[in-house]
PDB file of N, CA and C in Angstrom:
ATOM      1  N   MET A   1     -75.989 -15.978 -96.885  1.00  0.00           N
ATOM      2  CA  MET A   1     -74.719 -15.926 -97.562  1.00  0.00           C
ATOM      3  C   MET A   1     -74.489 -14.565 -98.223  1.00  0.00           C
ATOM      4  N   SER A   2     -75.515 -13.983 -98.789  1.00  0.00           N
ATOM      5  CA  SER A   2     -75.335 -12.714 -99.464  1.00  0.00           C
ATOM      6  C   SER A   2     -74.944 -11.603 -98.492  1.00  0.00           C
ATOM      7  N   LYS A   3     -75.373 -11.737 -97.219  1.00  0.00           N
ATOM      8  CA  LYS A   3     -74.981 -10.750 -96.233  1.00  0.00           C
ATOM      9  C   LYS A   3     -73.482 -10.787 -95.980  1.00  0.00           C
ATOM     10  N   VAL A   4     -72.917 -11.941 -95.956  1.00  0.00           N
ATOM     11  CA  VAL A   4     -71.482 -12.082 -95.708  1.00  0.00           C
ATOM     12  C   VAL A   4     -70.693 -11.442 -96.855  1.00  0.00           C
ATOM     13  N   LYS A   5     -71.117 -11.657 -98.090  1.00  0.00           N
ATOM     14  CA  LYS A   5     -70.421 -11.064 -99.239  1.00  0.00           C
ATOM     15  C   LYS A   5     -70.525  -9.547 -99.219  1.00  0.00           C
ATOM     16  N   SER A   6     -71.722  -9.036 -98.912  1.00  0.00           N
ATOM     17  CA  SER A   6     -71.886  -7.587 -98.913  1.00  0.00           C
ATOM     18  C   SER A   6     -71.111  -6.946 -97.776  1.00  0.00           C
ATOM     19  N   GLN A   7     -70.970  -7.623 -96.645  1.00  0.00           N
ATOM     20  CA  GLN A   7     -70.194  -7.077 -95.538  1.00  0.00           C
ATOM     21  C   GLN A   7     -68.703  -7.047 -95.899  1.00  0.00           C
ATOM     22  N   LYS A   8     -68.252  -7.990 -96.658  1.00  0.00           N
ATOM     23  CA  LYS A   8     -66.847  -8.013 -97.054  1.00  0.00           C
ATOM     24  C   LYS A   8     -66.552  -6.947 -98.107  1.00  0.00           C
ATOM     25  N   THR A   9     -67.501  -6.658 -98.972  1.00  0.00           N
ATOM     26  CA  THR A   9     -67.246  -5.680-100.030  1.00  0.00           C
ATOM     27  C   THR A   9     -67.332  -4.244 -99.532  1.00  0.00           C
ATOM     28  N   VAL A  10     -68.110  -3.975 -98.504  1.00  0.00           N
ATOM     29  CA  VAL A  10     -68.229  -2.614 -98.003  1.00  0.00           C
ATOM     30  C   VAL A  10     -66.887  -2.106 -97.476  1.00  0.00           C
ATOM     31  N   PRO A  11     -66.176  -2.847 -96.640  1.00  0.00           N
ATOM     32  CA  PRO A  11     -64.865  -2.352 -96.213  1.00  0.00           C
ATOM     33  C   PRO A  11     -63.904  -2.155 -97.390  1.00  0.00           C
ATOM     34  N   ASN A  12     -63.979  -3.011 -98.396  1.00  0.00           N
ATOM     35  CA  ASN A  12     -63.136  -2.841 -99.584  1.00  0.00           C
ATOM     36  C   ASN A  12     -63.472  -1.545-100.311  1.00  0.00           C
ATOM     37  N   LEU A  13     -64.752  -1.224-100.399  1.00  0.00           N
ATOM     38  CA  LEU A  13     -65.163   0.014-101.064  1.00  0.00           C
ATOM     39  C   LEU A  13     -64.660   1.227-100.292  1.00  0.00           C
ATOM     40  N   ILE A  14     -64.742   1.172 -98.988  1.00  0.00           N
ATOM     41  CA  ILE A  14     -64.264   2.280 -98.168  1.00  0.00           C
ATOM     42  C   ILE A  14     -62.752   2.429 -98.335  1.00  0.00           C
ATOM     43  N   ARG A  15     -62.039   1.318 -98.285  1.00  0.00           N
ATOM     44  CA  ARG A  15     -60.592   1.364 -98.460  1.00  0.00           C
ATOM     45  C   ARG A  15     -60.239   1.882 -99.854  1.00  0.00           C
ATOM     46  N   ASP A  16     -60.934   1.408-100.867  1.00  0.00           N
ATOM     47  CA  ASP A  16     -60.684   1.859-102.233  1.00  0.00           C
ATOM     48  C   ASP A  16     -60.993   3.349-102.381  1.00  0.00           C
ATOM     49  N   GLN A  17     -62.073   3.788-101.731  1.00  0.00           N
ATOM     50  CA  GLN A  17     -62.447   5.196-101.816  1.00  0.00           C
ATOM     51  C   GLN A  17     -61.362   6.065-101.164  1.00  0.00           C
ATOM     52  N   LYS A  18     -60.829   5.617-100.063  1.00  0.00           N
ATOM     53  CA  LYS A  18     -59.748   6.365 -99.412  1.00  0.00           C
ATOM     54  C   LYS A  18     -58.513   6.402-100.314  1.00  0.00           C
ATOM     55  N   SER A  19     -58.216   5.300-100.963  1.00  0.00           N
ATOM     56  CA  SER A  19     -57.062   5.257-101.864  1.00  0.00           C
ATOM     57  C   SER A  19     -57.244   6.219-103.028  1.00  0.00           C
ATOM     58  N   TYR A  20     -58.441   6.227-103.607  1.00  0.00           N
ATOM     59  CA  TYR A  20     -58.704   7.125-104.721  1.00  0.00           C
ATOM     60  C   TYR A  20     -58.658   8.583-104.267  1.00  0.00           C
ATOM     61  N   SER A  21     -59.201   8.850-103.092  1.00  0.00           N
ATOM     62  CA  SER A  21     -59.168  10.214-102.571  1.00  0.00           C
ATOM     63  C   SER A  21     -57.730  10.681-102.371  1.00  0.00           C
ATOM     64  N   PHE A  22     -56.903   9.803-101.841  1.00  0.00           N
ATOM     65  CA  PHE A  22     -55.499  10.152-101.637  1.00  0.00           C
ATOM     66  C   PHE A  22     -54.810  10.419-102.972  1.00  0.00           C
ATOM     67  N   LEU A  23     -55.069   9.579-103.967  1.00  0.00           N
ATOM     68  CA  LEU A  23     -54.449   9.773-105.282  1.00  0.00           C
ATOM     69  C   LEU A  23     -54.893  11.085-105.933  1.00  0.00           C
ATOM     70  N   ILE A  24     -56.167  11.397-105.797  1.00  0.00           N
ATOM     71  CA  ILE A  24     -56.684  12.653-106.358  1.00  0.00           C
ATOM     72  C   ILE A  24     -56.040  13.836-105.644  1.00  0.00           C
ATOM     73  N   PHE A  25     -55.951  13.757-104.309  1.00  0.00           N
ATOM     74  CA  PHE A  25     -55.305  14.818-103.543  1.00  0.00           C
ATOM     75  C   PHE A  25     -53.851  14.980-103.978  1.00  0.00           C
ATOM     76  N   LEU A  26     -53.151  13.888-104.120  1.00  0.00           N
ATOM     77  CA  LEU A  26     -51.748  13.922-104.519  1.00  0.00           C
ATOM     78  C   LEU A  26     -51.587  14.550-105.904  1.00  0.00           C
ATOM     79  N   PHE A  27     -52.465  14.189-106.814  1.00  0.00           N
ATOM     80  CA  PHE A  27     -52.445  14.733-108.168  1.00  0.00           C
ATOM     81  C   PHE A  27     -52.608  16.252-108.146  1.00  0.00           C
ATOM     82  N   PHE A  28     -53.609  16.748-107.424  1.00  0.00           N
ATOM     83  CA  PHE A  28     -53.839  18.188-107.359  1.00  0.00           C
ATOM     84  C   PHE A  28     -52.702  18.899-106.632  1.00  0.00           C
ATOM     85  N   PHE A  29     -52.160  18.277-105.611  1.00  0.00           N
ATOM     86  CA  PHE A  29     -51.052  18.880-104.874  1.00  0.00           C
ATOM     87  C   PHE A  29     -49.834  19.064-105.767  1.00  0.00           C
ATOM     88  N   MET A  30     -49.533  18.072-106.578  1.00  0.00           N
ATOM     89  CA  MET A  30     -48.368  18.155-107.462  1.00  0.00           C
ATOM     90  C   MET A  30     -48.515  19.291-108.462  1.00  0.00           C
ATOM     91  N   PHE A  31     -49.715  19.477-108.999  1.00  0.00           N
ATOM     92  CA  PHE A  31     -49.916  20.507-110.004  1.00  0.00           C
ATOM     93  C   PHE A  31     -50.172  21.875-109.403  1.00  0.00           C
ATOM     94  N   ALA A  32     -50.551  21.912-108.145  1.00  0.00           N
ATOM     95  CA  ALA A  32     -50.812  23.191-107.499  1.00  0.00           C
ATOM     96  C   ALA A  32     -49.539  23.823-106.956  1.00  0.00           C
ATOM     97  N   CYS A  33     -48.492  23.042-106.818  1.00  0.00           N
ATOM     98  CA  CYS A  33     -47.242  23.574-106.290  1.00  0.00           C
ATOM     99  C   CYS A  33     -46.655  24.589-107.260  1.00  0.00           C
ATOM    100  N   ASP A  34     -46.003  25.570-106.698  1.00  0.00           N
ATOM    101  CA  ASP A  34     -45.353  26.600-107.500  1.00  0.00           C
ATOM    102  C   ASP A  34     -44.181  25.981-108.246  1.00  0.00           C
ATOM    103  N   LYS A  35     -44.276  25.974-109.557  1.00  0.00           N
ATOM    104  CA  LYS A  35     -43.217  25.396-110.371  1.00  0.00           C
ATOM    105  C   LYS A  35     -42.133  26.415-110.662  1.00  0.00           C
ATOM    106  N   GLY A  36     -42.363  27.624-110.243  1.00  0.00           N
ATOM    107  CA  GLY A  36     -41.395  28.668-110.514  1.00  0.00           C
ATOM    108  C   GLY A  36     -41.648  29.308-111.868  1.00  0.00           C
ATOM    109  N   PRO A  37     -40.910  30.340-112.144  1.00  0.00           N
ATOM    110  CA  PRO A  37     -41.112  31.051-113.402  1.00  0.00           C
ATOM    111  C   PRO A  37     -40.653  30.227-114.600  1.00  0.00           C
ATOM    112  N   PRO A  38     -41.314  30.408-115.738  1.00  0.00           N
ATOM    113  CA  PRO A  38     -40.946  29.664-116.949  1.00  0.00           C
ATOM    114  C   PRO A  38     -39.591  30.074-117.532  1.00  0.00           C
ATOM    115  N   ILE A  39     -39.166  31.297-117.271  1.00  0.00           N
ATOM    116  CA  ILE A  39     -37.843  31.742-117.698  1.00  0.00           C
ATOM    117  C   ILE A  39     -37.173  32.409-116.494  1.00  0.00           C
ATOM    118  N   PRO A  40     -35.857  32.501-116.490  1.00  0.00           N
ATOM    119  CA  PRO A  40     -35.193  33.149-115.358  1.00  0.00           C
ATOM    120  C   PRO A  40     -35.685  34.586-115.164  1.00  0.00           C
ATOM    121  N   GLU A  41     -35.865  34.970-113.922  1.00  0.00           N
ATOM    122  CA  GLU A  41     -36.407  36.292-113.626  1.00  0.00           C
ATOM    123  C   GLU A  41     -35.476  37.415-114.091  1.00  0.00           C
ATOM    124  N   LYS A  42     -34.168  37.196-114.030  1.00  0.00           N
ATOM    125  CA  LYS A  42     -33.226  38.218-114.517  1.00  0.00           C
ATOM    126  C   LYS A  42     -33.375  38.419-116.016  1.00  0.00           C
ATOM    127  N   THR A  43     -33.599  37.334-116.731  1.00  0.00           N
ATOM    128  CA  THR A  43     -33.806  37.428-118.181  1.00  0.00           C
ATOM    129  C   THR A  43     -35.086  38.187-118.482  1.00  0.00           C
ATOM    130  N   PHE A  44     -36.145  37.878-117.737  1.00  0.00           N
ATOM    131  CA  PHE A  44     -37.418  38.570-117.929  1.00  0.00           C
ATOM    132  C   PHE A  44     -37.268  40.060-117.630  1.00  0.00           C
ATOM    133  N   LEU A  45     -36.501  40.384-116.614  1.00  0.00           N
ATOM    134  CA  LEU A  45     -36.262  41.787-116.270  1.00  0.00           C
ATOM    135  C   LEU A  45     -35.605  42.512-117.439  1.00  0.00           C
ATOM    136  N   LYS A  46     -34.587  41.905-118.011  1.00  0.00           N
ATOM    137  CA  LYS A  46     -33.881  42.523-119.134  1.00  0.00           C
ATOM    138  C   LYS A  46     -34.796  42.668-120.350  1.00  0.00           C
ATOM    139  N   ILE A  47     -35.599  41.645-120.595  1.00  0.00           N
ATOM    140  CA  ILE A  47     -36.539  41.706-121.721  1.00  0.00           C
ATOM    141  C   ILE A  47     -37.542  42.833-121.508  1.00  0.00           C
ATOM    142  N   TYR A  48     -38.092  42.891-120.331  1.00  0.00           N
ATOM    143  CA  TYR A  48     -39.113  43.890-120.018  1.00  0.00           C
ATOM    144  C   TYR A  48     -38.559  45.307-120.176  1.00  0.00           C
ATOM    145  N   VAL A  49     -37.377  45.537-119.625  1.00  0.00           N
ATOM    146  CA  VAL A  49     -36.765  46.862-119.725  1.00  0.00           C
ATOM    147  C   VAL A  49     -36.386  47.167-121.176  1.00  0.00           C
ATOM    148  N   ASP A  50     -35.866  46.187-121.886  1.00  0.00           N
ATOM    149  CA  ASP A  50     -35.556  46.395-123.312  1.00  0.00           C
ATOM    150  C   ASP A  50     -36.807  46.790-124.090  1.00  0.00           C
ATOM    151  N   LEU A  51     -37.908  46.127-123.802  1.00  0.00           N
ATOM    152  CA  LEU A  51     -39.163  46.464-124.486  1.00  0.00           C
ATOM    153  C   LEU A  51     -39.578  47.901-124.176  1.00  0.00           C
ATOM    154  N   LEU A  52     -39.453  48.301-122.928  1.00  0.00           N
ATOM    155  CA  LEU A  52     -39.799  49.679-122.560  1.00  0.00           C
ATOM    156  C   LEU A  52     -38.919  50.685-123.293  1.00  0.00           C
ATOM    157  N   ILE A  53     -37.626  50.419-123.307  1.00  0.00           N
ATOM    158  CA  ILE A  53     -36.684  51.338-123.948  1.00  0.00           C
ATOM    159  C   ILE A  53     -36.949  51.430-125.449  1.00  0.00           C
ATOM    160  N   VAL A  54     -37.112  50.295-126.091  1.00  0.00           N
ATOM    161  CA  VAL A  54     -37.334  50.292-127.545  1.00  0.00           C
ATOM    162  C   VAL A  54     -38.656  50.967-127.884  1.00  0.00           C
ATOM    163  N   GLN A  55     -39.676  50.708-127.115  1.00  0.00           N
ATOM    164  CA  GLN A  55     -40.975  51.321-127.395  1.00  0.00           C
ATOM    165  C   GLN A  55     -40.936  52.829-127.172  1.00  0.00           C
ATOM    166  N   ASP A  56     -40.157  53.272-126.188  1.00  0.00           N
ATOM    167  CA  ASP A  56     -40.064  54.708-125.912  1.00  0.00           C
ATOM    168  C   ASP A  56     -39.168  55.444-126.900  1.00  0.00           C
ATOM    169  N   THR A  57     -38.217  54.745-127.495  1.00  0.00           N
ATOM    170  CA  THR A  57     -37.264  55.414-128.378  1.00  0.00           C
ATOM    171  C   THR A  57     -37.533  55.184-129.864  1.00  0.00           C
ATOM    172  N   THR A  58     -38.465  54.308-130.185  1.00  0.00           N
ATOM    173  CA  THR A  58     -38.771  53.998-131.579  1.00  0.00           C
ATOM    174  C   THR A  58     -40.073  54.684-131.962  1.00  0.00           C
ATOM    175  N   THR A  59     -40.083  55.269-133.149  1.00  0.00           N
ATOM    176  CA  THR A  59     -41.325  55.890-133.602  1.00  0.00           C
ATOM    177  C   THR A  59     -42.313  54.802-133.986  1.00  0.00           C
ATOM    178  N   VAL A  60     -43.546  55.068-133.743  1.00  0.00           N
ATOM    179  CA  VAL A  60     -44.605  54.090-133.986  1.00  0.00           C
ATOM    180  C   VAL A  60     -44.718  53.766-135.470  1.00  0.00           C
ATOM    181  N   ASN A  61     -44.405  54.717-136.318  1.00  0.00           N
ATOM    182  CA  ASN A  61     -44.545  54.506-137.756  1.00  0.00           C
ATOM    183  C   ASN A  61     -43.571  53.467-138.303  1.00  0.00           C
ATOM    184  N   ASN A  62     -42.399  53.356-137.706  1.00  0.00           N
ATOM    185  CA  ASN A  62     -41.378  52.459-138.224  1.00  0.00           C
ATOM    186  C   ASN A  62     -41.644  50.991-137.889  1.00  0.00           C
ATOM    187  N   TYR A  63     -42.065  50.711-136.680  1.00  0.00           N
ATOM    188  CA  TYR A  63     -42.237  49.329-136.230  1.00  0.00           C
ATOM    189  C   TYR A  63     -43.545  49.168-135.478  1.00  0.00           C
ATOM    190  N   SER A  64     -44.146  47.988-135.634  1.00  0.00           N
ATOM    191  CA  SER A  64     -45.325  47.684-134.828  1.00  0.00           C
ATOM    192  C   SER A  64     -44.865  47.159-133.472  1.00  0.00           C
ATOM    193  N   ILE A  65     -45.715  47.229-132.504  1.00  0.00           N
ATOM    194  CA  ILE A  65     -45.383  46.725-131.161  1.00  0.00           C
ATOM    195  C   ILE A  65     -45.045  45.243-131.221  1.00  0.00           C
ATOM    196  N   ASP A  66     -45.780  44.502-132.039  1.00  0.00           N
ATOM    197  CA  ASP A  66     -45.521  43.062-132.163  1.00  0.00           C
ATOM    198  C   ASP A  66     -44.146  42.782-132.769  1.00  0.00           C
ATOM    199  N   SER A  67     -43.752  43.566-133.758  1.00  0.00           N
ATOM    200  CA  SER A  67     -42.443  43.324-134.370  1.00  0.00           C
ATOM    201  C   SER A  67     -41.320  43.706-133.405  1.00  0.00           C
ATOM    202  N   VAL A  68     -41.518  44.774-132.636  1.00  0.00           N
ATOM    203  CA  VAL A  68     -40.524  45.156-131.635  1.00  0.00           C
ATOM    204  C   VAL A  68     -40.385  44.048-130.602  1.00  0.00           C
ATOM    205  N   ARG A  69     -41.495  43.533-130.153  1.00  0.00           N
ATOM    206  CA  ARG A  69     -41.474  42.447-129.161  1.00  0.00           C
ATOM    207  C   ARG A  69     -40.759  41.223-129.728  1.00  0.00           C
ATOM    208  N   ALA A  70     -41.038  40.884-130.968  1.00  0.00           N
ATOM    209  CA  ALA A  70     -40.395  39.726-131.595  1.00  0.00           C
ATOM    210  C   ALA A  70     -38.881  39.912-131.678  1.00  0.00           C
ATOM    211  N   ILE A  71     -38.439  41.118-131.995  1.00  0.00           N
ATOM    212  CA  ILE A  71     -37.000  41.397-132.088  1.00  0.00           C
ATOM    213  C   ILE A  71     -36.338  41.257-130.718  1.00  0.00           C
ATOM    214  N   VAL A  72     -36.956  41.837-129.705  1.00  0.00           N
ATOM    215  CA  VAL A  72     -36.380  41.785-128.354  1.00  0.00           C
ATOM    216  C   VAL A  72     -36.358  40.349-127.837  1.00  0.00           C
ATOM    217  N   LEU A  73     -37.433  39.626-128.053  1.00  0.00           N
ATOM    218  CA  LEU A  73     -37.479  38.238-127.578  1.00  0.00           C
ATOM    219  C   LEU A  73     -36.430  37.378-128.280  1.00  0.00           C
ATOM    220  N   SER A  74     -36.269  37.574-129.574  1.00  0.00           N
ATOM    221  CA  SER A  74     -35.269  36.774-130.295  1.00  0.00           C
ATOM    222  C   SER A  74     -33.856  37.123-129.822  1.00  0.00           C
ATOM    223  N   ARG A  75     -33.633  38.379-129.472  1.00  0.00           N
ATOM    224  CA  ARG A  75     -32.327  38.801-128.946  1.00  0.00           C
ATOM    225  C   ARG A  75     -31.976  38.047-127.667  1.00  0.00           C
ATOM    226  N   HIS A  76     -32.993  37.730-126.876  1.00  0.00           N
ATOM    227  CA  HIS A  76     -32.785  37.023-125.607  1.00  0.00           C
ATOM    228  C   HIS A  76     -33.039  35.512-125.722  1.00  0.00           C
ATOM    229  N   ASN A  77     -33.278  35.035-126.943  1.00  0.00           N
ATOM    230  CA  ASN A  77     -33.549  33.612-127.189  1.00  0.00           C
ATOM    231  C   ASN A  77     -34.744  33.097-126.398  1.00  0.00           C
ATOM    232  N   ILE A  78     -35.804  33.893-126.371  1.00  0.00           N
ATOM    233  CA  ILE A  78     -37.032  33.536-125.669  1.00  0.00           C
ATOM    234  C   ILE A  78     -38.167  33.526-126.692  1.00  0.00           C
ATOM    235  N   SER A  79     -39.013  32.518-126.598  1.00  0.00           N
ATOM    236  CA  SER A  79     -40.149  32.431-127.523  1.00  0.00           C
ATOM    237  C   SER A  79     -41.317  33.283-127.015  1.00  0.00           C
ATOM    238  N   GLU A  80     -42.223  33.577-127.925  1.00  0.00           N
ATOM    239  CA  GLU A  80     -43.442  34.317-127.556  1.00  0.00           C
ATOM    240  C   GLU A  80     -44.199  33.551-126.469  1.00  0.00           C
ATOM    241  N   ASN A  81     -44.251  32.232-126.623  1.00  0.00           N
ATOM    242  CA  ASN A  81     -44.974  31.407-125.655  1.00  0.00           C
ATOM    243  C   ASN A  81     -44.342  31.503-124.263  1.00  0.00           C
ATOM    244  N   GLN A  82     -43.016  31.447-124.184  1.00  0.00           N
ATOM    245  CA  GLN A  82     -42.334  31.567-122.891  1.00  0.00           C
ATOM    246  C   GLN A  82     -42.604  32.932-122.260  1.00  0.00           C
ATOM    247  N   TYR A  83     -42.588  33.966-123.078  1.00  0.00           N
ATOM    248  CA  TYR A  83     -42.864  35.314-122.570  1.00  0.00           C
ATOM    249  C   TYR A  83     -44.295  35.396-122.038  1.00  0.00           C
ATOM    250  N   ASP A  84     -45.230  34.870-122.808  1.00  0.00           N
ATOM    251  CA  ASP A  84     -46.633  34.884-122.372  1.00  0.00           C
ATOM    252  C   ASP A  84     -46.834  34.077-121.094  1.00  0.00           C
ATOM    253  N   GLU A  85     -46.126  32.949-120.969  1.00  0.00           N
ATOM    254  CA  GLU A  85     -46.204  32.146-119.744  1.00  0.00           C
ATOM    255  C   GLU A  85     -45.658  32.932-118.553  1.00  0.00           C
ATOM    256  N   MET A  86     -44.612  33.704-118.799  1.00  0.00           N
ATOM    257  CA  MET A  86     -44.032  34.505-117.720  1.00  0.00           C
ATOM    258  C   MET A  86     -44.996  35.597-117.276  1.00  0.00           C
ATOM    259  N   ILE A  87     -45.659  36.226-118.219  1.00  0.00           N
ATOM    260  CA  ILE A  87     -46.665  37.233-117.875  1.00  0.00           C
ATOM    261  C   ILE A  87     -47.787  36.587-117.060  1.00  0.00           C
ATOM    262  N   SER A  88     -48.229  35.413-117.473  1.00  0.00           N
ATOM    263  CA  SER A  88     -49.276  34.693-116.732  1.00  0.00           C
ATOM    264  C   SER A  88     -48.794  34.317-115.336  1.00  0.00           C
ATOM    265  N   TYR A  89     -47.541  33.910-115.241  1.00  0.00           N
ATOM    266  CA  TYR A  89     -46.957  33.562-113.936  1.00  0.00           C
ATOM    267  C   TYR A  89     -47.035  34.756-112.991  1.00  0.00           C
ATOM    268  N   TYR A  90     -46.631  35.929-113.471  1.00  0.00           N
ATOM    269  CA  TYR A  90     -46.687  37.124-112.629  1.00  0.00           C
ATOM    270  C   TYR A  90     -48.124  37.561-112.367  1.00  0.00           C
ATOM    271  N   ASN A  91     -48.992  37.428-113.349  1.00  0.00           N
ATOM    272  CA  ASN A  91     -50.393  37.800-113.145  1.00  0.00           C
ATOM    273  C   ASN A  91     -51.075  36.921-112.101  1.00  0.00           C
ATOM    274  N   SER A  92     -50.620  35.675-111.979  1.00  0.00           N
ATOM    275  CA  SER A  92     -51.214  34.780-110.981  1.00  0.00           C
ATOM    276  C   SER A  92     -50.710  35.088-109.573  1.00  0.00           C
ATOM    277  N   GLN A  93     -49.663  35.899-109.475  1.00  0.00           N
ATOM    278  CA  GLN A  93     -49.088  36.262-108.175  1.00  0.00           C
ATOM    279  C   GLN A  93     -48.795  37.762-108.169  1.00  0.00           C
ATOM    280  N   PRO A  94     -49.826  38.581-108.008  1.00  0.00           N
ATOM    281  CA  PRO A  94     -49.654  40.038-108.131  1.00  0.00           C
ATOM    282  C   PRO A  94     -48.582  40.638-107.221  1.00  0.00           C
ATOM    283  N   GLU A  95     -48.352  40.024-106.066  1.00  0.00           N
ATOM    284  CA  GLU A  95     -47.316  40.563-105.175  1.00  0.00           C
ATOM    285  C   GLU A  95     -45.930  40.490-105.815  1.00  0.00           C
ATOM    286  N   LYS A  96     -45.754  39.541-106.732  1.00  0.00           N
ATOM    287  CA  LYS A  96     -44.469  39.434-107.435  1.00  0.00           C
ATOM    288  C   LYS A  96     -44.271  40.615-108.389  1.00  0.00           C
ATOM    289  N   TRP A  97     -45.377  41.128-108.957  1.00  0.00           N
ATOM    290  CA  TRP A  97     -45.264  42.287-109.842  1.00  0.00           C
ATOM    291  C   TRP A  97     -44.693  43.479-109.082  1.00  0.00           C
ATOM    292  N   ILE A  98     -45.110  43.670-107.842  1.00  0.00           N
ATOM    293  CA  ILE A  98     -44.635  44.812-107.059  1.00  0.00           C
ATOM    294  C   ILE A  98     -43.122  44.739-106.892  1.00  0.00           C
ATOM    295  N   ALA A  99     -42.640  43.578-106.483  1.00  0.00           N
ATOM    296  CA  ALA A  99     -41.194  43.394-106.325  1.00  0.00           C
ATOM    297  C   ALA A  99     -40.481  43.530-107.669  1.00  0.00           C
ATOM    298  N   PHE A 100     -41.104  43.019-108.717  1.00  0.00           N
ATOM    299  CA  PHE A 100     -40.505  43.102-110.049  1.00  0.00           C
ATOM    300  C   PHE A 100     -40.346  44.561-110.481  1.00  0.00           C
ATOM    301  N   PHE A 101     -41.385  45.364-110.298  1.00  0.00           N
ATOM    302  CA  PHE A 101     -41.311  46.764-110.718  1.00  0.00           C
ATOM    303  C   PHE A 101     -40.269  47.532-109.909  1.00  0.00           C
ATOM    304  N   ASP A 102     -40.131  47.196-108.643  1.00  0.00           N
ATOM    305  CA  ASP A 102     -39.075  47.821-107.833  1.00  0.00           C
ATOM    306  C   ASP A 102     -37.698  47.473-108.402  1.00  0.00           C
ATOM    307  N   THR A 103     -37.502  46.214-108.730  1.00  0.00           N
ATOM    308  CA  THR A 103     -36.239  45.759-109.306  1.00  0.00           C
ATOM    309  C   THR A 103     -36.012  46.400-110.677  1.00  0.00           C
ATOM    310  N   ALA A 104     -37.068  46.497-111.474  1.00  0.00           N
ATOM    311  CA  ALA A 104     -36.950  47.106-112.804  1.00  0.00           C
ATOM    312  C   ALA A 104     -36.555  48.575-112.702  1.00  0.00           C
ATOM    313  N   THR A 105     -37.106  49.274-111.729  1.00  0.00           N
ATOM    314  CA  THR A 105     -36.769  50.690-111.536  1.00  0.00           C
ATOM    315  C   THR A 105     -35.285  50.846-111.205  1.00  0.00           C
ATOM    316  N   VAL A 106     -34.785  50.005-110.319  1.00  0.00           N
ATOM    317  CA  VAL A 106     -33.368  50.040-109.960  1.00  0.00           C
ATOM    318  C   VAL A 106     -32.505  49.722-111.178  1.00  0.00           C
ATOM    319  N   TYR A 107     -32.918  48.741-111.955  1.00  0.00           N
ATOM    320  CA  TYR A 107     -32.160  48.344-113.147  1.00  0.00           C
ATOM    321  C   TYR A 107     -32.121  49.480-114.176  1.00  0.00           C
ATOM    322  N   VAL A 108     -33.231  50.151-114.383  1.00  0.00           N
ATOM    323  CA  VAL A 108     -33.277  51.266-115.331  1.00  0.00           C
ATOM    324  C   VAL A 108     -32.366  52.395-114.853  1.00  0.00           C
ATOM    325  N   GLU A 109     -32.369  52.661-113.568  1.00  0.00           N
ATOM    326  CA  GLU A 109     -31.487  53.696-113.022  1.00  0.00           C
ATOM    327  C   GLU A 109     -30.017  53.332-113.237  1.00  0.00           C
ATOM    328  N   GLN A 110     -29.677  52.068-113.076  1.00  0.00           N
ATOM    329  CA  GLN A 110     -28.304  51.618-113.332  1.00  0.00           C
ATOM    330  C   GLN A 110     -27.926  51.828-114.801  1.00  0.00           C
ATOM    331  N   LEU A 111     -28.862  51.493-115.688  1.00  0.00           N
ATOM    332  CA  LEU A 111     -28.603  51.681-117.118  1.00  0.00           C
ATOM    333  C   LEU A 111     -28.396  53.159-117.453  1.00  0.00           C
ATOM    334  N   LYS A 112     -29.175  54.031-116.819  1.00  0.00           N
ATOM    335  CA  LYS A 112     -29.029  55.471-117.050  1.00  0.00           C
ATOM    336  C   LYS A 112     -27.654  55.950-116.605  1.00  0.00           C
ATOM    337  N   LYS A 113     -27.224  55.499-115.435  1.00  0.00           N
ATOM    338  CA  LYS A 113     -25.916  55.899-114.919  1.00  0.00           C
ATOM    339  C   LYS A 113     -24.802  55.422-115.838  1.00  0.00           C
ATOM    340  N   GLU A 114     -24.918  54.198-116.326  1.00  0.00           N
ATOM    341  CA  GLU A 114     -23.917  53.661-117.244  1.00  0.00           C
ATOM    342  C   GLU A 114     -23.885  54.450-118.547  1.00  0.00           C
ATOM    343  N   ALA A 115     -25.061  54.831-119.034  1.00  0.00           N
ATOM    344  CA  ALA A 115     -25.131  55.597-120.284  1.00  0.00           C
ATOM    345  C   ALA A 115     -24.529  56.986-120.102  1.00  0.00           C
ATOM    346  N   GLU A 116     -24.701  57.588-118.942  1.00  0.00           N
ATOM    347  CA  GLU A 116     -24.142  58.913-118.675  1.00  0.00           C
ATOM    348  C   GLU A 116     -22.615  58.888-118.602  1.00  0.00           C
ATOM    349  N   LYS A 117     -22.040  57.777-118.176  1.00  0.00           N
ATOM    350  CA  LYS A 117     -20.592  57.644-118.056  1.00  0.00           C
ATOM    351  C   LYS A 117     -19.914  57.533-119.420  1.00  0.00           C
ATOM    352  N   GLN A 118     -20.644  57.019-120.396  1.00  0.00           N
ATOM    353  CA  GLN A 118     -20.061  56.820-121.728  1.00  0.00           C
ATOM    354  C   GLN A 118     -19.970  58.154-122.460  1.00  0.00           C
ATOM    355  N   PRO A 119     -18.853  58.358-123.180  1.00  0.00           N
ATOM    356  CA  PRO A 119     -18.672  59.650-123.907  1.00  0.00           C
ATOM    357  C   PRO A 119     -19.584  59.783-125.104  1.00  0.00           C
TER     358      PRO A 119
END
C-alpha cells in the first residue's frame, strides 16, 4: 500500500515543482523588464544641462554643489531620489549615456544660438 501512495505523490511533486519554477520565472521576468526611466528623458536632459550651466557660471564660494543641485531639481519639480534613480537607470545601460550626451550637446548648442539672438 505504501508504494501506491508514494507513486501518487511523486507526480504531484513534479507537477508542483514545475508550477513553482514557472512562478519564480514569471516573478523574475516581471522585475527584469525595462520599466523605463523614472522621470521623462527630456526633463532629465534639461536638468542635466541646467546643472552644467549653473556649475560653470557660479563661483564655488557662493554655493555648494549640493545646494545648486537642490535648486535646479526643485525648479523642475524633481526629487533627489528621482534624480538618483535616473542616474542609476542610465548607469545600468551605458549605451543610453552615449545617446544622451549627443542629445545634450545638440541642446546646449541650441541654447547658445538662442542666447546669441537675444539683445
